[in-house]
Amino acid sequence: MDVFAWSYKDIPDIGQNITKHKIALYLDAKPVKLKLQRMRQERTLKIKEEVWKQLDVGFIKVTHCPQ
């Protein structure tokens, strides 16, 4: 019970060196737009719910990519 985090509220002070994800990009690479992939409504709602939970506790944050 003491080893696992059962919710995102259980791990507010985890270090960024463990959780930070960085994607290395070439500076001269052009963005590629992928074909839209549709999901079932119930799956989409569960994904949105999970993302909002992570945003609310500060586990993830919104970033903006340069154009």
C-alpha atoms as a PDB file:
ATOM      1  CA  MET A   1       0.000   0.000   0.000  1.00  0.00           C
ATOM      2  CA  ASP A   2       2.878   2.417   0.740  1.00  0.00           C
ATOM      3  CA  VAL A   3       4.652   1.823  -2.570  1.00  0.00           C
ATOM      4  CA  PHE A   4       1.954   2.610  -5.140  1.00  0.00           C
ATOM      5  CA  ALA A   5       0.213   5.874  -5.949  1.00  0.00           C
ATOM      6  CA  TRP A   6      -3.521   5.245  -6.163  1.00  0.00           C
ATOM      7  CA  SER A   7      -4.328   8.674  -7.574  1.00  0.00           C
ATOM      8  CA  TYR A   8      -2.494  11.696  -8.973  1.00  0.00           C
ATOM      9  CA  LYS A   9      -3.032  13.522  -5.680  1.00  0.00           C
ATOM     10  CA  ASP A  10      -0.771  10.926  -4.025  1.00  0.00           C
ATOM     11  CA  ILE A  11       2.298  12.068  -6.015  1.00  0.00           C
ATOM     12  CA  PRO A  12       2.337  15.887  -6.054  1.00  0.00           C
ATOM     13  CA  ASP A  13       6.054  16.300  -5.292  1.00  0.00           C
ATOM     14  CA  ILE A  14       7.557  13.745  -7.638  1.00  0.00           C
ATOM     15  CA  GLY A  15      10.694  15.088  -9.348  1.00  0.00           C
ATOM     16  CA  GLN A  16      10.615  16.274 -12.944  1.00  0.00           C
ATOM     17  CA  ASN A  17      13.754  14.285 -13.727  1.00  0.00           C
ATOM     18  CA  ILE A  18      11.574  11.172 -13.381  1.00  0.00           C
ATOM     19  CA  THR A  19       8.334  12.334 -15.005  1.00  0.00           C
ATOM     20  CA  LYS A  20       9.368  14.891 -17.619  1.00  0.00           C
ATOM     21  CA  HIS A  21       8.996  13.771 -21.221  1.00  0.00           C
ATOM     22  CA  LYS A  22      10.829  15.639 -23.956  1.00  0.00           C
ATOM     23  CA  ILE A  23      10.640  15.060 -27.680  1.00  0.00           C
ATOM     24  CA  ALA A  24      13.792  15.985 -29.569  1.00  0.00           C
ATOM     25  CA  LEU A  25      12.948  17.634 -32.890  1.00  0.00           C
ATOM     26  CA  TYR A  26      15.010  18.788 -35.806  1.00  0.00           C
ATOM     27  CA  LEU A  27      14.849  22.579 -36.147  1.00  0.00           C
ATOM     28  CA  ASP A  28      14.340  22.385 -39.907  1.00  0.00           C
ATOM     29  CA  ALA A  29      11.634  19.674 -39.757  1.00  0.00           C
ATOM     30  CA  LYS A  30       8.210  20.534 -41.142  1.00  0.00           C
ATOM     31  CA  PRO A  31       5.112  19.516 -39.176  1.00  0.00           C
ATOM     32  CA  VAL A  32       3.032  16.666 -40.542  1.00  0.00           C
ATOM     33  CA  LYS A  33      -0.739  16.675 -40.176  1.00  0.00           C
ATOM     34  CA  LEU A  34      -2.131  13.202 -39.577  1.00  0.00           C
ATOM     35  CA  LYS A  35      -5.523  11.939 -40.665  1.00  0.00           C
ATOM     36  CA  LEU A  36      -8.242  12.448 -38.049  1.00  0.00           C
ATOM     37  CA  GLN A  37      -8.967   9.249 -36.132  1.00  0.00           C
ATOM     38  CA  ARG A  38     -12.402   8.917 -34.577  1.00  0.00           C
ATOM     39  CA  MET A  39     -13.170   7.109 -31.316  1.00  0.00           C
ATOM     40  CA  ARG A  40     -16.346   5.876 -29.724  1.00  0.00           C
ATOM     41  CA  GLN A  41     -18.157   8.488 -27.623  1.00  0.00           C
ATOM     42  CA  GLU A  42     -17.754   6.626 -24.302  1.00  0.00           C
ATOM     43  CA  ARG A  43     -14.012   6.223 -24.835  1.00  0.00           C
ATOM     44  CA  THR A  44     -13.637   9.915 -25.714  1.00  0.00           C
ATOM     45  CA  LEU A  45     -15.451  10.934 -22.525  1.00  0.00           C
ATOM     46  CA  LYS A  46     -13.214   8.714 -20.373  1.00  0.00           C
ATOM     47  CA  ILE A  47     -10.087  10.153 -21.995  1.00  0.00           C
ATOM     48  CA  LYS A  48     -11.279  13.731 -21.381  1.00  0.00           C
ATOM     49  CA  GLU A  49     -12.101  12.888 -17.766  1.00  0.00           C
ATOM     50  CA  GLU A  50      -8.637  11.422 -17.186  1.00  0.00           C
ATOM     51  CA  VAL A  51      -6.885  14.381 -18.818  1.00  0.00           C
ATOM     52  CA  TRP A  52      -8.857  16.855 -16.666  1.00  0.00           C
ATOM     53  CA  LYS A  53      -7.938  14.900 -13.512  1.00  0.00           C
ATOM     54  CA  GLN A  54      -4.256  15.108 -14.435  1.00  0.00           C
ATOM     55  CA  LEU A  55      -4.504  18.828 -15.260  1.00  0.00           C
ATOM     56  CA  ASP A  56      -6.359  19.629 -12.013  1.00  0.00           C
ATOM     57  CA  VAL A  57      -3.675  18.140  -9.778  1.00  0.00           C
ATOM     58  CA  GLY A  58      -0.795  19.591 -11.827  1.00  0.00           C
ATOM     59  CA  PHE A  59       0.509  16.234 -13.047  1.00  0.00           C
ATOM     60  CA  ILE A  60       0.494  17.492 -16.637  1.00  0.00           C
ATOM     61  CA  LYS A  61       0.429  20.994 -18.084  1.00  0.00           C
ATOM     62  CA  VAL A  62      -0.464  22.619 -21.376  1.00  0.00           C
ATOM     63  CA  THR A  63       2.436  23.620 -23.597  1.00  0.00           C
ATOM     64  CA  HIS A  64       2.498  25.499 -26.872  1.00  0.00           C
ATOM     65  CA  CYS A  65       4.656  24.489 -29.799  1.00  0.00           C
ATOM     66  CA  PRO A  66       6.222  27.208 -31.959  1.00  0.00           C
ATOM     67  CA  GLN A  67       4.881  27.369 -35.487  1.00  0.00           C
END
